[in-house]
Structure formats: structure tokens, C-alpha cells
Amino acid sequence: MSQLGLMLLYIVALGGAWWFFGRKNRERTKKLQEQMNALKAGDHVVTIGGLHGVVHYIDTVDQTVEIDCDGVYLTFERRAIHHVVPTAGENNVPVVDGE
């Protein structure tokens, strides 16, 4: 009987870990989806390749984003945006740590 109890303990522990990590992943996915839905022209973004730029145009039909990188306009898939850089105040200046 003790082997059965130990096996049940392992199953409960693995099930709890699976639920906990799955929940964290769902929360992260939901947050990213909310960021992408709120994406608008003028937002400072970073792509999955590390390119920093400002959103110039969003094509909702093709799910693409045109980004202005110091005068160079590049088109990316919308899902290539890693995150939106938080801005401070009304002048839309990105917040940089250490300044």
C-alpha cells in the first residue's frame, strides 16, 4: 500500500507542477496578446531579432507591421514583435533604465 501512496504522491506533484507552469504560460500568452491588440502607430517596439523602432503602419488584413528604424521602413509579420517599450508621459519618449 505504501508504494501505491508514493506513486499517487508523485502523480499529484507532477499534476500540480503541470497546472502551475501551464497557468503561467497562459498568463504570459494572454498578456502578449493584449499588447499586440493594443499596438498602434507611434508605439516603440522591439522585434524578436532585437531591432528597435517605431510602428509606422499596421495592416490588419495581412497581419503585418511597418516599422520606422531611423528613417528605414521595414515590414514585419505582426507576430515578429517581441514587446512594446513602455513610454513616459505624453511626448512618447521610451523609458530607459539608468537614465
PDB file of N, CA and C in Angstrom:
ATOM      1  N   MET A   1       0.818  -1.199   0.000  1.00  0.00           N
ATOM      2  CA  MET A   1       0.000   0.000   0.000  1.00  0.00           C
ATOM      3  C   MET A   1       0.856   1.255   0.000  1.00  0.00           C
ATOM      4  N   SER A   2       2.040   1.192   0.629  1.00  0.00           N
ATOM      5  CA  SER A   2       2.881   2.383   0.689  1.00  0.00           C
ATOM      6  C   SER A   2       3.425   2.736  -0.699  1.00  0.00           C
ATOM      7  N   GLN A   3       3.647   1.730  -1.542  1.00  0.00           N
ATOM      8  CA  GLN A   3       4.098   2.012  -2.913  1.00  0.00           C
ATOM      9  C   GLN A   3       3.006   2.728  -3.696  1.00  0.00           C
ATOM     10  N   LEU A   4       1.778   2.327  -3.481  1.00  0.00           N
ATOM     11  CA  LEU A   4       0.656   2.981  -4.150  1.00  0.00           C
ATOM     12  C   LEU A   4       0.524   4.424  -3.677  1.00  0.00           C
ATOM     13  N   GLY A   5       0.688   4.648  -2.383  1.00  0.00           N
ATOM     14  CA  GLY A   5       0.625   6.002  -1.839  1.00  0.00           C
ATOM     15  C   GLY A   5       1.743   6.876  -2.383  1.00  0.00           C
ATOM     16  N   LEU A   6       2.947   6.318  -2.494  1.00  0.00           N
ATOM     17  CA  LEU A   6       4.081   7.063  -3.040  1.00  0.00           C
ATOM     18  C   LEU A   6       3.847   7.392  -4.516  1.00  0.00           C
ATOM     19  N   MET A   7       3.298   6.440  -5.248  1.00  0.00           N
ATOM     20  CA  MET A   7       3.009   6.676  -6.664  1.00  0.00           C
ATOM     21  C   MET A   7       1.937   7.762  -6.812  1.00  0.00           C
ATOM     22  N   LEU A   8       0.917   7.739  -5.984  1.00  0.00           N
ATOM     23  CA  LEU A   8      -0.113   8.776  -6.019  1.00  0.00           C
ATOM     24  C   LEU A   8       0.468  10.142  -5.665  1.00  0.00           C
ATOM     25  N   LEU A   9       1.396  10.175  -4.708  1.00  0.00           N
ATOM     26  CA  LEU A   9       2.059  11.425  -4.340  1.00  0.00           C
ATOM     27  C   LEU A   9       2.830  11.994  -5.532  1.00  0.00           C
ATOM     28  N   TYR A  10       3.552  11.150  -6.253  1.00  0.00           N
ATOM     29  CA  TYR A  10       4.277  11.594  -7.450  1.00  0.00           C
ATOM     30  C   TYR A  10       3.323  12.122  -8.516  1.00  0.00           C
ATOM     31  N   ILE A  11       2.225  11.428  -8.710  1.00  0.00           N
ATOM     32  CA  ILE A  11       1.249  11.848  -9.718  1.00  0.00           C
ATOM     33  C   ILE A  11       0.650  13.203  -9.348  1.00  0.00           C
ATOM     34  N   VAL A  12       0.310  13.390  -8.078  1.00  0.00           N
ATOM     35  CA  VAL A  12      -0.243  14.667  -7.626  1.00  0.00           C
ATOM     36  C   VAL A  12       0.794  15.776  -7.785  1.00  0.00           C
ATOM     37  N   ALA A  13       2.054  15.495  -7.429  1.00  0.00           N
ATOM     38  CA  ALA A  13       3.114  16.501  -7.558  1.00  0.00           C
ATOM     39  C   ALA A  13       3.333  16.879  -9.025  1.00  0.00           C
ATOM     40  N   LEU A  14       3.379  15.911  -9.906  1.00  0.00           N
ATOM     41  CA  LEU A  14       3.550  16.198 -11.336  1.00  0.00           C
ATOM     42  C   LEU A  14       2.347  16.937 -11.898  1.00  0.00           C
ATOM     43  N   GLY A  15       1.163  16.545 -11.477  1.00  0.00           N
ATOM     44  CA  GLY A  15      -0.048  17.244 -11.923  1.00  0.00           C
ATOM     45  C   GLY A  15      -0.072  18.687 -11.448  1.00  0.00           C
ATOM     46  N   GLY A  16       0.343  18.922 -10.210  1.00  0.00           N
ATOM     47  CA  GLY A  16       0.404  20.288  -9.684  1.00  0.00           C
ATOM     48  C   GLY A  16       1.418  21.137 -10.435  1.00  0.00           C
ATOM     49  N   ALA A  17       2.592  20.570 -10.721  1.00  0.00           N
ATOM     50  CA  ALA A  17       3.611  21.305 -11.483  1.00  0.00           C
ATOM     51  C   ALA A  17       3.103  21.605 -12.889  1.00  0.00           C
ATOM     52  N   TRP A  18       2.461  20.634 -13.519  1.00  0.00           N
ATOM     53  CA  TRP A  18       1.930  20.831 -14.872  1.00  0.00           C
ATOM     54  C   TRP A  18       0.893  21.954 -14.872  1.00  0.00           C
ATOM     55  N   TRP A  19       0.016  21.969 -13.884  1.00  0.00           N
ATOM     56  CA  TRP A  19      -1.008  23.011 -13.792  1.00  0.00           C
ATOM     57  C   TRP A  19      -0.373  24.370 -13.545  1.00  0.00           C
ATOM     58  N   PHE A  20       0.592  24.438 -12.615  1.00  0.00           N
ATOM     59  CA  PHE A  20       1.235  25.705 -12.266  1.00  0.00           C
ATOM     60  C   PHE A  20       1.959  26.307 -13.468  1.00  0.00           C
ATOM     61  N   PHE A  21       2.780  25.524 -14.157  1.00  0.00           N
ATOM     62  CA  PHE A  21       3.528  26.052 -15.295  1.00  0.00           C
ATOM     63  C   PHE A  21       2.616  26.345 -16.478  1.00  0.00           C
ATOM     64  N   GLY A  22       1.583  25.563 -16.653  1.00  0.00           N
ATOM     65  CA  GLY A  22       0.614  25.842 -17.712  1.00  0.00           C
ATOM     66  C   GLY A  22      -0.128  27.140 -17.459  1.00  0.00           C
ATOM     67  N   ARG A  23      -0.435  27.404 -16.211  1.00  0.00           N
ATOM     68  CA  ARG A  23      -1.121  28.648 -15.838  1.00  0.00           C
ATOM     69  C   ARG A  23      -0.236  29.855 -16.118  1.00  0.00           C
ATOM     70  N   LYS A  24       1.040  29.771 -15.751  1.00  0.00           N
ATOM     71  CA  LYS A  24       1.982  30.865 -16.009  1.00  0.00           C
ATOM     72  C   LYS A  24       2.101  31.119 -17.510  1.00  0.00           C
ATOM     73  N   ASN A  25       2.162  30.063 -18.287  1.00  0.00           N
ATOM     74  CA  ASN A  25       2.275  30.200 -19.740  1.00  0.00           C
ATOM     75  C   ASN A  25       1.024  30.844 -20.325  1.00  0.00           C
ATOM     76  N   ARG A  26      -0.149  30.467 -19.838  1.00  0.00           N
ATOM     77  CA  ARG A  26      -1.393  31.069 -20.319  1.00  0.00           C
ATOM     78  C   ARG A  26      -1.451  32.552 -19.975  1.00  0.00           C
ATOM     79  N   GLU A  27      -0.997  32.917 -18.765  1.00  0.00           N
ATOM     80  CA  GLU A  27      -0.981  34.329 -18.366  1.00  0.00           C
ATOM     81  C   GLU A  27      -0.039  35.132 -19.255  1.00  0.00           C
ATOM     82  N   ARG A  28       1.146  34.579 -19.544  1.00  0.00           N
ATOM     83  CA  ARG A  28       2.124  35.254 -20.392  1.00  0.00           C
ATOM     84  C   ARG A  28       1.579  35.415 -21.813  1.00  0.00           C
ATOM     85  N   THR A  29       0.940  34.378 -22.328  1.00  0.00           N
ATOM     86  CA  THR A  29       0.358  34.434 -23.664  1.00  0.00           C
ATOM     87  C   THR A  29      -0.764  35.463 -23.723  1.00  0.00           C
ATOM     88  N   LYS A  30      -1.591  35.512 -22.697  1.00  0.00           N
ATOM     89  CA  LYS A  30      -2.692  36.477 -22.646  1.00  0.00           C
ATOM     90  C   LYS A  30      -2.158  37.904 -22.610  1.00  0.00           C
ATOM     91  N   LYS A  31      -1.114  38.154 -21.812  1.00  0.00           N
ATOM     92  CA  LYS A  31      -0.520  39.485 -21.716  1.00  0.00           C
ATOM     93  C   LYS A  31       0.069  39.910 -23.059  1.00  0.00           C
ATOM     94  N   LEU A  32       0.770  39.004 -23.728  1.00  0.00           N
ATOM     95  CA  LEU A  32       1.344  39.310 -25.038  1.00  0.00           C
ATOM     96  C   LEU A  32       0.248  39.594 -26.056  1.00  0.00           C
ATOM     97  N   GLN A  33      -0.832  38.823 -26.026  1.00  0.00           N
ATOM     98  CA  GLN A  33      -1.944  39.038 -26.945  1.00  0.00           C
ATOM     99  C   GLN A  33      -2.595  40.397 -26.703  1.00  0.00           C
ATOM    100  N   GLU A  34      -2.745  40.786 -25.438  1.00  0.00           N
ATOM    101  CA  GLU A  34      -3.308  42.104 -25.123  1.00  0.00           C
ATOM    102  C   GLU A  34      -2.407  43.222 -25.640  1.00  0.00           C
ATOM    103  N   GLN A  35      -1.077  43.040 -25.507  1.00  0.00           N
ATOM    104  CA  GLN A  35      -0.132  44.032 -26.025  1.00  0.00           C
ATOM    105  C   GLN A  35      -0.264  44.157 -27.540  1.00  0.00           C
ATOM    106  N   MET A  36      -0.375  43.031 -28.228  1.00  0.00           N
ATOM    107  CA  MET A  36      -0.459  43.054 -29.690  1.00  0.00           C
ATOM    108  C   MET A  36      -1.778  43.670 -30.145  1.00  0.00           C
ATOM    109  N   ASN A  37      -2.858  43.423 -29.412  1.00  0.00           N
ATOM    110  CA  ASN A  37      -4.147  44.012 -29.774  1.00  0.00           C
ATOM    111  C   ASN A  37      -4.156  45.520 -29.551  1.00  0.00           C
ATOM    112  N   ALA A  38      -3.368  45.995 -28.583  1.00  0.00           N
ATOM    113  CA  ALA A  38      -3.313  47.427 -28.280  1.00  0.00           C
ATOM    114  C   ALA A  38      -2.248  48.158 -29.098  1.00  0.00           C
ATOM    115  N   LEU A  39      -1.513  47.438 -29.939  1.00  0.00           N
ATOM    116  CA  LEU A  39      -0.446  48.041 -30.743  1.00  0.00           C
ATOM    117  C   LEU A  39      -1.025  49.093 -31.681  1.00  0.00           C
ATOM    118  N   LYS A  40      -0.359  50.254 -31.732  1.00  0.00           N
ATOM    119  CA  LYS A  40      -0.836  51.338 -32.595  1.00  0.00           C
ATOM    120  C   LYS A  40       0.359  52.084 -33.170  1.00  0.00           C
ATOM    121  N   ALA A  41       0.110  52.874 -34.196  1.00  0.00           N
ATOM    122  CA  ALA A  41       1.165  53.678 -34.813  1.00  0.00           C
ATOM    123  C   ALA A  41       1.756  54.618 -33.772  1.00  0.00           C
ATOM    124  N   GLY A  42       3.071  54.727 -33.769  1.00  0.00           N
ATOM    125  CA  GLY A  42       3.762  55.587 -32.822  1.00  0.00           C
ATOM    126  C   GLY A  42       4.341  54.845 -31.632  1.00  0.00           C
ATOM    127  N   ASP A  43       3.951  53.577 -31.443  1.00  0.00           N
ATOM    128  CA  ASP A  43       4.495  52.788 -30.338  1.00  0.00           C
ATOM    129  C   ASP A  43       5.940  52.397 -30.631  1.00  0.00           C
ATOM    130  N   HIS A  44       6.780  52.456 -29.611  1.00  0.00           N
ATOM    131  CA  HIS A  44       8.157  51.980 -29.716  1.00  0.00           C
ATOM    132  C   HIS A  44       8.136  50.480 -29.450  1.00  0.00           C
ATOM    133  N   VAL A  45       8.738  49.690 -30.360  1.00  0.00           N
ATOM    134  CA  VAL A  45       8.705  48.240 -30.241  1.00  0.00           C
ATOM    135  C   VAL A  45      10.102  47.656 -30.430  1.00  0.00           C
ATOM    136  N   VAL A  46      10.240  46.399 -29.996  1.00  0.00           N
ATOM    137  CA  VAL A  46      11.446  45.617 -30.223  1.00  0.00           C
ATOM    138  C   VAL A  46      10.997  44.332 -30.902  1.00  0.00           C
ATOM    139  N   THR A  47      11.664  43.962 -32.004  1.00  0.00           N
ATOM    140  CA  THR A  47      11.311  42.736 -32.718  1.00  0.00           C
ATOM    141  C   THR A  47      12.001  41.545 -32.072  1.00  0.00           C
ATOM    142  N   ILE A  48      11.630  40.347 -32.504  1.00  0.00           N
ATOM    143  CA  ILE A  48      12.258  39.145 -31.970  1.00  0.00           C
ATOM    144  C   ILE A  48      13.728  39.066 -32.365  1.00  0.00           C
ATOM    145  N   GLY A  49      14.139  39.823 -33.379  1.00  0.00           N
ATOM    146  CA  GLY A  49      15.544  39.881 -33.779  1.00  0.00           C
ATOM    147  C   GLY A  49      16.326  40.954 -33.056  1.00  0.00           C
ATOM    148  N   GLY A  50      15.669  41.730 -32.191  1.00  0.00           N
ATOM    149  CA  GLY A  50      16.342  42.760 -31.418  1.00  0.00           C
ATOM    150  C   GLY A  50      16.349  44.128 -32.066  1.00  0.00           C
ATOM    151  N   LEU A  51      15.619  44.301 -33.158  1.00  0.00           N
ATOM    152  CA  LEU A  51      15.561  45.586 -33.851  1.00  0.00           C
ATOM    153  C   LEU A  51      14.591  46.516 -33.129  1.00  0.00           C
ATOM    154  N   HIS A  52      15.060  47.720 -32.818  1.00  0.00           N
ATOM    155  CA  HIS A  52      14.234  48.725 -32.147  1.00  0.00           C
ATOM    156  C   HIS A  52      13.704  49.698 -33.188  1.00  0.00           C
ATOM    157  N   GLY A  53      12.436  50.071 -33.066  1.00  0.00           N
ATOM    158  CA  GLY A  53      11.859  51.028 -33.993  1.00  0.00           C
ATOM    159  C   GLY A  53      10.516  51.534 -33.511  1.00  0.00           C
ATOM    160  N   VAL A  54       9.904  52.356 -34.367  1.00  0.00           N
ATOM    161  CA  VAL A  54       8.604  52.950 -34.069  1.00  0.00           C
ATOM    162  C   VAL A  54       7.607  52.431 -35.098  1.00  0.00           C
ATOM    163  N   VAL A  55       6.447  51.988 -34.630  1.00  0.00           N
ATOM    164  CA  VAL A  55       5.416  51.488 -35.536  1.00  0.00           C
ATOM    165  C   VAL A  55       4.925  52.642 -36.397  1.00  0.00           C
ATOM    166  N   HIS A  56       4.988  52.442 -37.722  1.00  0.00           N
ATOM    167  CA  HIS A  56       4.533  53.462 -38.662  1.00  0.00           C
ATOM    168  C   HIS A  56       3.134  53.135 -39.180  1.00  0.00           C
ATOM    169  N   TYR A  57       2.899  51.846 -39.501  1.00  0.00           N
ATOM    170  CA  TYR A  57       1.626  51.437 -40.093  1.00  0.00           C
ATOM    171  C   TYR A  57       1.343  49.993 -39.697  1.00  0.00           C
ATOM    172  N   ILE A  58       0.074  49.683 -39.449  1.00  0.00           N
ATOM    173  CA  ILE A  58      -0.349  48.325 -39.131  1.00  0.00           C
ATOM    174  C   ILE A  58      -1.373  47.886 -40.160  1.00  0.00           C
ATOM    175  N   ASP A  59      -1.102  46.762 -40.826  1.00  0.00           N
ATOM    176  CA  ASP A  59      -2.034  46.189 -41.797  1.00  0.00           C
ATOM    177  C   ASP A  59      -2.753  45.030 -41.112  1.00  0.00           C
ATOM    178  N   THR A  60      -4.016  45.246 -40.749  1.00  0.00           N
ATOM    179  CA  THR A  60      -4.763  44.224 -40.017  1.00  0.00           C
ATOM    180  C   THR A  60      -5.192  43.060 -40.903  1.00  0.00           C
ATOM    181  N   VAL A  61      -5.272  43.279 -42.211  1.00  0.00           N
ATOM    182  CA  VAL A  61      -5.673  42.208 -43.124  1.00  0.00           C
ATOM    183  C   VAL A  61      -4.539  41.200 -43.289  1.00  0.00           C
ATOM    184  N   ASP A  62      -3.331  41.707 -43.597  1.00  0.00           N
ATOM    185  CA  ASP A  62      -2.176  40.832 -43.808  1.00  0.00           C
ATOM    186  C   ASP A  62      -1.419  40.519 -42.523  1.00  0.00           C
ATOM    187  N   GLN A  63      -1.842  41.132 -41.403  1.00  0.00           N
ATOM    188  CA  GLN A  63      -1.176  40.953 -40.115  1.00  0.00           C
ATOM    189  C   GLN A  63       0.311  41.318 -40.189  1.00  0.00           C
ATOM    190  N   THR A  64       0.591  42.475 -40.819  1.00  0.00           N
ATOM    191  CA  THR A  64       1.954  42.976 -40.905  1.00  0.00           C
ATOM    192  C   THR A  64       2.054  44.335 -40.228  1.00  0.00           C
ATOM    193  N   VAL A  65       3.279  44.704 -39.881  1.00  0.00           N
ATOM    194  CA  VAL A  65       3.562  45.971 -39.218  1.00  0.00           C
ATOM    195  C   VAL A  65       4.730  46.616 -39.944  1.00  0.00           C
ATOM    196  N   GLU A  66       4.591  47.905 -40.268  1.00  0.00           N
ATOM    197  CA  GLU A  66       5.698  48.646 -40.863  1.00  0.00           C
ATOM    198  C   GLU A  66       6.360  49.448 -39.752  1.00  0.00           C
ATOM    199  N   ILE A  67       7.675  49.252 -39.600  1.00  0.00           N
ATOM    200  CA  ILE A  67       8.420  49.882 -38.513  1.00  0.00           C
ATOM    201  C   ILE A  67       9.431  50.861 -39.086  1.00  0.00           C
ATOM    202  N   ASP A  68       9.488  52.049 -38.476  1.00  0.00           N
ATOM    203  CA  ASP A  68      10.457  53.085 -38.839  1.00  0.00           C
ATOM    204  C   ASP A  68      11.673  52.936 -37.928  1.00  0.00           C
ATOM    205  N   CYS A  69      12.806  52.578 -38.524  1.00  0.00           N
ATOM    206  CA  CYS A  69      14.063  52.430 -37.783  1.00  0.00           C
ATOM    207  C   CYS A  69      15.030  53.495 -38.273  1.00  0.00           C
ATOM    208  N   ASP A  70      14.957  54.683 -37.681  1.00  0.00           N
ATOM    209  CA  ASP A  70      15.817  55.816 -38.066  1.00  0.00           C
ATOM    210  C   ASP A  70      15.717  56.123 -39.558  1.00  0.00           C
ATOM    211  N   GLY A  71      14.510  56.199 -40.071  1.00  0.00           N
ATOM    212  CA  GLY A  71      14.286  56.565 -41.462  1.00  0.00           C
ATOM    213  C   GLY A  71      14.224  55.394 -42.421  1.00  0.00           C
ATOM    214  N   VAL A  72      14.537  54.202 -41.958  1.00  0.00           N
ATOM    215  CA  VAL A  72      14.445  52.997 -42.781  1.00  0.00           C
ATOM    216  C   VAL A  72      13.147  52.292 -42.396  1.00  0.00           C
ATOM    217  N   TYR A  73      12.262  52.107 -43.375  1.00  0.00           N
ATOM    218  CA  TYR A  73      10.964  51.494 -43.111  1.00  0.00           C
ATOM    219  C   TYR A  73      11.026  50.018 -43.475  1.00  0.00           C
ATOM    220  N   LEU A  74      10.752  49.170 -42.503  1.00  0.00           N
ATOM    221  CA  LEU A  74      10.802  47.723 -42.679  1.00  0.00           C
ATOM    222  C   LEU A  74       9.444  47.128 -42.341  1.00  0.00           C
ATOM    223  N   THR A  75       9.060  46.097 -43.081  1.00  0.00           N
ATOM    224  CA  THR A  75       7.784  45.428 -42.856  1.00  0.00           C
ATOM    225  C   THR A  75       8.037  44.075 -42.198  1.00  0.00           C
ATOM    226  N   PHE A  76       7.319  43.812 -41.119  1.00  0.00           N
ATOM    227  CA  PHE A  76       7.439  42.565 -40.379  1.00  0.00           C
ATOM    228  C   PHE A  76       6.067  41.949 -40.193  1.00  0.00           C
ATOM    229  N   GLU A  77       6.052  40.638 -39.976  1.00  0.00           N
ATOM    230  CA  GLU A  77       4.834  39.980 -39.524  1.00  0.00           C
ATOM    231  C   GLU A  77       4.511  40.534 -38.140  1.00  0.00           C
ATOM    232  N   ARG A  78       3.252  40.643 -37.837  1.00  0.00           N
ATOM    233  CA  ARG A  78       2.851  41.190 -36.536  1.00  0.00           C
ATOM    234  C   ARG A  78       3.383  40.342 -35.384  1.00  0.00           C
ATOM    235  N   ARG A  79       3.462  39.051 -35.593  1.00  0.00           N
ATOM    236  CA  ARG A  79       3.944  38.168 -34.526  1.00  0.00           C
ATOM    237  C   ARG A  79       5.454  38.261 -34.320  1.00  0.00           C
ATOM    238  N   ALA A  80       6.166  39.039 -35.178  1.00  0.00           N
ATOM    239  CA  ALA A  80       7.607  39.244 -35.010  1.00  0.00           C
ATOM    240  C   ALA A  80       7.910  40.328 -33.983  1.00  0.00           C
ATOM    241  N   ILE A  81       6.890  40.987 -33.460  1.00  0.00           N
ATOM    242  CA  ILE A  81       7.091  41.993 -32.421  1.00  0.00           C
ATOM    243  C   ILE A  81       7.265  41.262 -31.095  1.00  0.00           C
ATOM    244  N   HIS A  82       8.411  41.471 -30.459  1.00  0.00           N
ATOM    245  CA  HIS A  82       8.673  40.812 -29.176  1.00  0.00           C
ATOM    246  C   HIS A  82       7.948  41.515 -28.041  1.00  0.00           C
ATOM    247  N   HIS A  83       8.101  42.847 -27.981  1.00  0.00           N
ATOM    248  CA  HIS A  83       7.385  43.587 -26.951  1.00  0.00           C
ATOM    249  C   HIS A  83       7.328  45.065 -27.299  1.00  0.00           C
ATOM    250  N   VAL A  84       6.406  45.737 -26.634  1.00  0.00           N
ATOM    251  CA  VAL A  84       6.248  47.180 -26.779  1.00  0.00           C
ATOM    252  C   VAL A  84       7.029  47.831 -25.644  1.00  0.00           C
ATOM    253  N   VAL A  85       7.868  48.822 -25.992  1.00  0.00           N
ATOM    254  CA  VAL A  85       8.666  49.521 -24.988  1.00  0.00           C
ATOM    255  C   VAL A  85       7.761  50.519 -24.270  1.00  0.00           C
ATOM    256  N   PRO A  86       7.713  50.471 -22.937  1.00  0.00           N
ATOM    257  CA  PRO A  86       6.873  51.426 -22.207  1.00  0.00           C
ATOM    258  C   PRO A  86       7.360  52.855 -22.417  1.00  0.00           C
ATOM    259  N   THR A  87       6.420  53.784 -22.515  1.00  0.00           N
ATOM    260  CA  THR A  87       6.768  55.186 -22.736  1.00  0.00           C
ATOM    261  C   THR A  87       6.419  56.006 -21.510  1.00  0.00           C
ATOM    262  N   ALA A  88       7.089  57.155 -21.386  1.00  0.00           N
ATOM    263  CA  ALA A  88       6.857  58.041 -20.241  1.00  0.00           C
ATOM    264  C   ALA A  88       6.245  59.337 -20.720  1.00  0.00           C
ATOM    265  N   GLY A  89       5.094  59.668 -20.186  1.00  0.00           N
ATOM    266  CA  GLY A  89       4.476  60.961 -20.482  1.00  0.00           C
ATOM    267  C   GLY A  89       3.829  61.037 -21.842  1.00  0.00           C
ATOM    268  N   GLU A  90       3.452  62.259 -22.200  1.00  0.00           N
ATOM    269  CA  GLU A  90       2.720  62.489 -23.437  1.00  0.00           C
ATOM    270  C   GLU A  90       3.632  62.624 -24.651  1.00  0.00           C
ATOM    271  N   ASN A  91       4.937  62.886 -24.434  1.00  0.00           N
ATOM    272  CA  ASN A  91       5.824  63.083 -25.573  1.00  0.00           C
ATOM    273  C   ASN A  91       6.304  61.772 -26.179  1.00  0.00           C
ATOM    274  N   ASN A  92       5.822  60.638 -25.667  1.00  0.00           N
ATOM    275  CA  ASN A  92       6.071  59.323 -26.234  1.00  0.00           C
ATOM    276  C   ASN A  92       7.557  58.977 -26.288  1.00  0.00           C
ATOM    277  N   VAL A  93       8.286  59.322 -25.236  1.00  0.00           N
ATOM    278  CA  VAL A  93       9.711  59.010 -25.149  1.00  0.00           C
ATOM    279  C   VAL A  93       9.860  57.684 -24.417  1.00  0.00           C
ATOM    280  N   PRO A  94      10.619  56.720 -24.998  1.00  0.00           N
ATOM    281  CA  PRO A  94      10.765  55.432 -24.325  1.00  0.00           C
ATOM    282  C   PRO A  94      11.483  55.569 -22.987  1.00  0.00           C
ATOM    283  N   VAL A  95      11.077  54.750 -22.035  1.00  0.00           N
ATOM    284  CA  VAL A  95      11.708  54.734 -20.722  1.00  0.00           C
ATOM    285  C   VAL A  95      12.954  53.870 -20.814  1.00  0.00           C
ATOM    286  N   VAL A  96      14.112  54.422 -20.397  1.00  0.00           N
ATOM    287  CA  VAL A  96      15.370  53.684 -20.429  1.00  0.00           C
ATOM    288  C   VAL A  96      15.901  53.601 -19.008  1.00  0.00           C
ATOM    289  N   ASP A  97      16.221  52.384 -18.559  1.00  0.00           N
ATOM    290  CA  ASP A  97      16.762  52.213 -17.211  1.00  0.00           C
ATOM    291  C   ASP A  97      18.140  52.844 -17.119  1.00  0.00           C
ATOM    292  N   GLY A  98      18.436  53.441 -15.986  1.00  0.00           N
ATOM    293  CA  GLY A  98      19.754  54.001 -15.749  1.00  0.00           C
ATOM    294  C   GLY A  98      19.901  55.445 -16.170  1.00  0.00           C
ATOM    295  N   GLU A  99      18.871  56.064 -16.651  1.00  0.00           N
ATOM    296  CA  GLU A  99      18.957  57.472 -17.063  1.00  0.00           C
ATOM    297  C   GLU A  99      18.185  58.348 -16.118  1.00  0.00           C
TER     298      GLU A  99
END
